[in-house]
Protein backbone atom coordinates (compact mmCIF):
# COMPACT_ATOMS: atom_id res chain seq x y z
CA MET A 1 125.82 106.76 118.67
CA ALA A 2 125.93 106.29 114.90
CA ALA A 3 122.66 106.27 112.99
CA ILE A 4 121.15 103.05 111.64
CA ILE A 5 121.68 102.94 107.88
CA LEU A 6 118.49 102.67 105.85
CA ASP A 7 119.95 100.26 103.31
CA GLY A 8 117.76 100.48 100.23
CA GLU A 9 119.85 97.93 98.34
CA SER A 10 119.04 95.10 100.75
CA VAL A 11 115.35 95.97 101.06
CA ALA A 12 115.03 96.34 97.28
CA ALA A 13 116.68 92.93 96.80
CA ARG A 14 114.03 91.37 99.04
CA ILE A 15 111.24 93.07 97.05
CA ARG A 16 112.74 91.95 93.72
CA ALA A 17 112.93 88.37 95.00
CA GLU A 18 109.25 88.46 95.95
CA VAL A 19 108.34 90.03 92.60
CA ALA A 20 110.31 87.32 90.79
CA GLN A 21 108.45 84.61 92.69
CA ARG A 22 105.03 86.07 91.89
CA THR A 23 106.06 86.73 88.30
CA ALA A 24 107.04 83.08 87.92
CA LYS A 25 103.68 82.03 89.33
CA LEU A 26 101.86 84.12 86.73
CA ALA A 27 104.09 82.68 84.00
CA ALA A 28 103.11 79.17 85.10
CA GLU A 29 99.49 80.25 84.62
CA GLY A 30 100.27 81.48 81.10
CA VAL A 31 100.71 85.19 81.84
CA ARG A 32 104.10 86.78 81.09
CA VAL A 33 104.34 90.13 82.89
CA GLY A 34 105.30 92.82 80.39
CA LEU A 35 106.87 96.23 81.13
CA GLY A 36 107.25 98.84 78.42
CA THR A 37 109.30 102.01 78.05
CA ILE A 38 109.15 104.86 75.56
CA LEU A 39 112.30 106.94 75.11
CA VAL A 40 112.29 110.06 72.95
CA GLY A 41 115.69 111.38 71.89
CA ASP A 42 119.18 110.41 73.01
CA ASP A 43 119.58 111.96 76.45
CA VAL A 44 122.34 109.85 78.01
CA PRO A 45 121.02 109.69 81.63
CA SER A 46 117.52 108.88 80.38
CA ALA A 47 118.84 106.15 78.07
CA ARG A 48 120.86 104.63 80.90
CA TYR A 49 117.88 104.74 83.25
CA VAL A 50 115.70 102.96 80.69
CA ALA A 51 118.41 100.34 80.17
CA MET A 52 118.53 99.71 83.91
CA LYS A 53 114.77 99.14 83.94
CA HIS A 54 115.12 96.45 81.29
CA GLU A 55 118.01 94.85 83.18
CA ASP A 56 115.73 94.71 86.23
CA CYS A 57 113.00 93.09 84.11
CA ALA A 58 115.38 90.36 82.98
CA GLU A 59 116.39 89.72 86.60
CA VAL A 60 112.82 89.06 87.75
CA GLY A 61 111.60 87.26 84.63
CA MET A 62 109.48 90.01 83.07
CA ALA A 63 109.19 90.67 79.36
CA SER A 64 110.54 94.00 78.12
CA PHE A 65 109.04 96.20 75.42
CA HIS A 66 110.69 99.38 74.17
CA GLU A 67 110.03 102.12 71.67
CA HIS A 68 112.81 104.59 70.90
CA LEU A 69 111.75 107.68 68.97
CA PRO A 70 114.11 110.33 67.59
CA ALA A 71 114.39 113.72 69.28
CA SER A 72 112.64 115.15 66.22
CA ALA A 73 109.49 113.10 66.92
CA SER A 74 106.25 115.06 66.92
CA GLN A 75 103.68 115.09 69.69
CA ARG A 76 101.44 112.97 67.46
CA GLU A 77 104.19 110.36 67.02
CA VAL A 78 104.81 110.18 70.78
CA GLU A 79 101.11 109.77 71.47
CA ALA A 80 100.87 107.10 68.75
CA ALA A 81 103.58 105.11 70.54
CA ILE A 82 101.64 105.48 73.79
CA ALA A 83 98.48 104.30 72.05
CA ARG A 84 100.27 101.19 70.78
CA PHE A 85 101.30 100.23 74.32
CA ASN A 86 97.81 101.04 75.64
CA ALA A 87 96.35 98.60 73.09
CA ASN A 88 98.97 95.85 73.48
CA PRO A 89 97.71 93.18 75.92
CA GLU A 90 101.27 91.89 76.39
CA VAL A 91 102.30 95.25 77.89
CA HIS A 92 100.76 95.33 81.35
CA ALA A 93 102.41 98.59 82.41
CA PHE A 94 104.69 101.16 80.82
CA LEU A 95 106.21 104.60 81.17
CA VAL A 96 107.20 107.54 79.04
CA GLN A 97 110.72 108.53 80.07
CA VAL A 98 110.96 112.20 81.00
CA PRO A 99 112.16 114.82 80.41
CA LEU A 100 110.92 114.88 76.84
CA PRO A 101 112.79 116.97 74.24
CA ALA A 102 111.90 120.66 74.01
CA GLY A 103 108.68 121.34 72.18
CA LEU A 104 106.86 118.22 73.39
CA ASP A 105 104.06 118.41 75.95
CA GLU A 106 104.81 116.08 78.87
CA GLU A 107 101.41 116.68 80.45
CA ARG A 108 99.62 115.58 77.30
CA ALA A 109 101.84 112.52 77.10
CA LEU A 110 101.06 111.53 80.70
CA LEU A 111 97.34 112.04 80.14
CA ALA A 112 97.49 109.72 77.13
CA VAL A 113 98.71 106.77 79.24
CA GLU A 114 95.98 104.31 80.23
CA PRO A 115 95.73 104.79 84.05
CA ASP A 116 95.77 101.06 84.81
CA LYS A 117 98.99 100.71 82.76
CA ASP A 118 100.73 103.64 84.44
CA VAL A 119 103.78 102.03 86.02
CA ASP A 120 105.11 105.31 87.46
CA GLY A 121 101.89 106.11 89.32
CA LEU A 122 102.02 109.70 88.05
CA GLN A 123 99.15 109.69 85.55
CA PRO A 124 96.69 112.40 86.71
CA VAL A 125 93.90 109.86 87.29
CA ASN A 126 96.17 107.87 89.59
CA LEU A 127 97.28 110.99 91.46
CA GLY A 128 93.57 111.68 91.94
CA ARG A 129 93.12 108.17 93.31
CA LEU A 130 95.93 108.87 95.76
CA VAL A 131 94.22 112.07 96.89
CA MET A 132 91.03 110.08 97.52
CA GLY A 133 92.83 107.16 99.15
CA ALA A 134 91.45 104.88 96.43
CA PRO A 135 93.31 101.81 95.09
CA GLY A 136 95.70 102.42 92.23
CA PRO A 137 99.40 102.36 91.31
CA LEU A 138 101.43 104.47 93.74
CA PRO A 139 104.24 106.80 92.65
CA CYS A 140 107.38 104.69 92.85
CA THR A 141 109.72 106.89 94.90
CA PRO A 142 107.17 107.83 97.60
CA ALA A 143 106.07 104.18 97.88
CA GLY A 144 109.71 103.13 98.08
CA ILE A 145 110.47 105.62 100.84
CA LEU A 146 107.52 104.40 102.90
CA GLU A 147 108.53 100.75 102.38
CA LEU A 148 112.10 101.56 103.45
CA LEU A 149 110.93 103.23 106.66
CA HIS A 150 108.70 100.27 107.46
CA ALA A 151 111.52 97.78 106.78
CA TYR A 152 113.59 99.40 109.54
CA ASP A 153 110.67 99.82 111.95
CA VAL A 154 110.80 103.61 111.83
CA PRO A 155 107.58 104.83 113.53
CA VAL A 156 105.41 106.73 111.07
CA GLU A 157 101.86 106.75 112.43
CA GLY A 158 101.16 109.90 114.42
CA ARG A 159 104.69 111.22 113.88
CA HIS A 160 105.66 114.58 112.44
CA VAL A 161 107.17 114.30 108.95
CA VAL A 162 108.80 117.28 107.25
CA ILE A 163 109.25 116.96 103.49
CA ILE A 164 111.61 119.44 101.86
CA GLY A 165 110.51 119.75 98.25
CA ARG A 166 107.12 119.92 96.56
CA GLY A 167 107.89 118.25 93.24
CA LEU A 168 105.44 116.03 91.38
CA THR A 169 107.57 112.88 91.58
CA ILE A 170 108.38 112.92 95.32
CA GLY A 171 107.29 115.78 97.58
CA ARG A 172 103.62 116.24 96.76
CA PRO A 173 102.62 112.57 96.34
CA LEU A 174 104.69 111.51 99.39
CA ALA A 175 102.84 114.06 101.53
CA LEU A 176 99.50 112.65 100.35
CA LEU A 177 100.61 109.05 100.95
CA LEU A 178 101.96 109.62 104.46
CA ALA A 179 98.86 111.55 105.53
CA LEU A 180 96.42 108.82 104.49
CA LYS A 181 94.39 107.32 107.31
CA ARG A 182 95.67 103.80 106.88
CA PRO A 183 98.07 101.53 108.81
CA GLY A 184 101.69 102.54 108.48
CA CYS A 185 100.82 106.09 107.37
CA ASN A 186 98.55 108.50 109.29
CA ALA A 187 101.36 110.99 109.93
CA ALA A 188 101.29 114.74 110.52
CA VAL A 189 102.97 116.08 107.39
CA THR A 190 104.55 119.47 106.72
CA VAL A 191 105.76 120.31 103.21
CA VAL A 192 108.38 123.06 102.92
CA HIS A 193 110.85 124.18 100.27
CA THR A 194 114.12 126.07 99.90
CA GLY A 195 112.26 129.37 99.63
CA VAL A 196 110.99 129.12 103.22
CA PRO A 197 113.08 131.51 105.36
CA ASP A 198 112.74 129.51 108.59
CA LEU A 199 113.42 126.14 106.96
CA ALA A 200 115.74 124.95 109.74
CA ASP A 201 113.10 125.64 112.41
CA HIS A 202 110.61 123.40 110.60
CA VAL A 203 113.13 120.59 110.14
CA ARG A 204 114.22 120.62 113.81
CA ARG A 205 110.67 119.70 114.88
CA ALA A 206 110.47 116.64 112.63
CA ASP A 207 110.55 113.01 113.71
CA ILE A 208 111.16 112.10 110.06
CA VAL A 209 112.86 114.34 107.51
CA VAL A 210 112.67 113.67 103.77
CA ALA A 211 114.95 115.94 101.77
CA ALA A 212 113.84 116.02 98.13
CA ALA A 213 115.00 119.43 96.93
CA GLY A 214 118.00 118.49 94.79
CA SER A 215 120.27 120.81 96.79
CA ALA A 216 123.53 119.21 97.94
CA GLY A 217 124.11 119.24 101.70
CA LEU A 218 120.92 121.19 102.37
CA VAL A 219 120.12 119.34 105.62
CA THR A 220 122.91 119.79 108.16
CA ALA A 221 123.45 118.22 111.58
CA ASP A 222 122.30 121.30 113.50
CA MET A 223 118.92 121.15 111.72
CA VAL A 224 118.04 117.62 112.85
CA LYS A 225 116.37 116.51 116.07
CA PRO A 226 118.52 113.85 117.77
CA GLY A 227 117.19 110.41 116.92
CA ALA A 228 115.13 111.53 113.91
CA ALA A 229 114.96 109.48 110.71
CA VAL A 230 116.51 111.32 107.76
CA VAL A 231 115.91 110.30 104.15
CA GLY A 232 117.95 111.85 101.35
CA ALA A 233 115.66 111.60 98.33
CA GLY A 234 117.04 114.52 96.33
CA THR A 235 120.33 114.37 94.44
CA SER A 236 122.59 116.64 92.46
CA TRP A 237 125.90 116.18 90.68
CA SER A 238 129.47 117.40 91.11
CA GLY A 239 131.18 116.17 87.99
CA ARG A 240 130.48 112.43 88.05
CA LYS A 241 129.82 112.27 91.79
CA VAL A 242 126.25 112.03 93.04
CA LEU A 243 125.60 114.34 96.00
CA SER A 244 122.83 113.95 98.57
CA ASP A 245 120.58 116.65 99.99
CA VAL A 246 121.75 115.41 103.41
CA ALA A 247 125.19 116.39 104.70
CA PRO A 248 127.36 113.43 105.88
CA GLU A 249 127.65 114.71 109.46
CA VAL A 250 123.89 114.27 109.95
CA ALA A 251 124.65 110.59 110.60
CA GLU A 252 126.15 111.63 113.96
CA VAL A 253 122.78 113.03 115.13
CA ALA A 254 120.09 111.02 113.35
CA GLY A 255 118.62 107.75 114.57
CA TRP A 256 118.21 106.42 111.01
CA ILE A 257 119.69 107.75 107.77
CA THR A 258 119.92 106.77 104.11
CA PRO A 259 123.40 106.40 102.60
CA ARG A 260 124.60 108.74 99.86
CA LEU A 261 124.23 105.84 97.40
CA GLY A 262 121.99 102.81 97.76
CA GLY A 263 119.17 104.39 99.72
CA VAL A 264 116.11 105.65 97.86
CA GLY A 265 117.28 104.89 94.29
CA PRO A 266 117.11 101.08 94.50
CA MET A 267 113.73 101.32 96.21
CA THR A 268 112.30 103.38 93.33
CA ARG A 269 113.39 100.74 90.81
CA ALA A 270 112.00 97.91 92.95
CA MET A 271 108.62 99.60 93.34
CA LEU A 272 108.41 100.12 89.59
CA LEU A 273 108.74 96.34 89.13
CA GLN A 274 106.14 95.81 91.81
CA ASN A 275 103.73 98.19 90.04
CA ALA A 276 104.19 96.25 86.79
CA LEU A 277 103.48 92.98 88.57
CA LEU A 278 100.37 94.40 90.26
CA ALA A 279 99.10 95.65 86.88
CA ALA A 280 99.48 92.15 85.45
CA GLU A 281 97.75 90.58 88.45
CA ARG A 282 94.86 93.02 88.14
CA SER A 283 94.45 92.28 84.44
């Protein structure tokens, strides 16, 4: 029996519609939700990603703010741009697009962002809030993955989740989020990586697999428990083609699976809009 497709496009559309409705309500009360971006240099994928964020803002009725600095910008100039957004009451949330050009300190840049304006949920204070289970903006991709699982009634509480990848943007914060003692989470979480020699043995025991290693076709059908939910959160490229960490034949074994395109990506973008809205509502 073919796996149920975890269609991130449709779930993200529902979230954007709700965000648009709440954004319009704030606008009627005199508050225009504002999302800012800071781009340093001319990296083409980063520039396109930032442009997509502003397209999303226009769709839901948010105001967009943008600062584009040259690749030659100094650390002081980057932090000055961050300070301007921190001080601007019209910018409720913003992000510094990474990677930054060589020679700039990304950690210092993240630390300079006001935690309550951190739309990515990756500012160290907010990661600390996640560790403590305290309220705060959640990292967008982990929050999007959890929302996608819930949308398709994939059981999470008490289930065994194996996350392949320990990166800052997905693996580590997702493990913290899923392990929280709160409704819809409360899972038993194992974090592994491509350097683990018995990787397949870990994956076979999972009720939910999240592959976030950026290694094409890493998870194969023989590694997956029949009926498990499989989320491909890591990507790589072959020319212009985006490749998933999950091999196509896994769909013949899994109970739920994300598509190669339109799974986690749209959810990340939708959760970023939701974080911006929540920041405006809090303010």
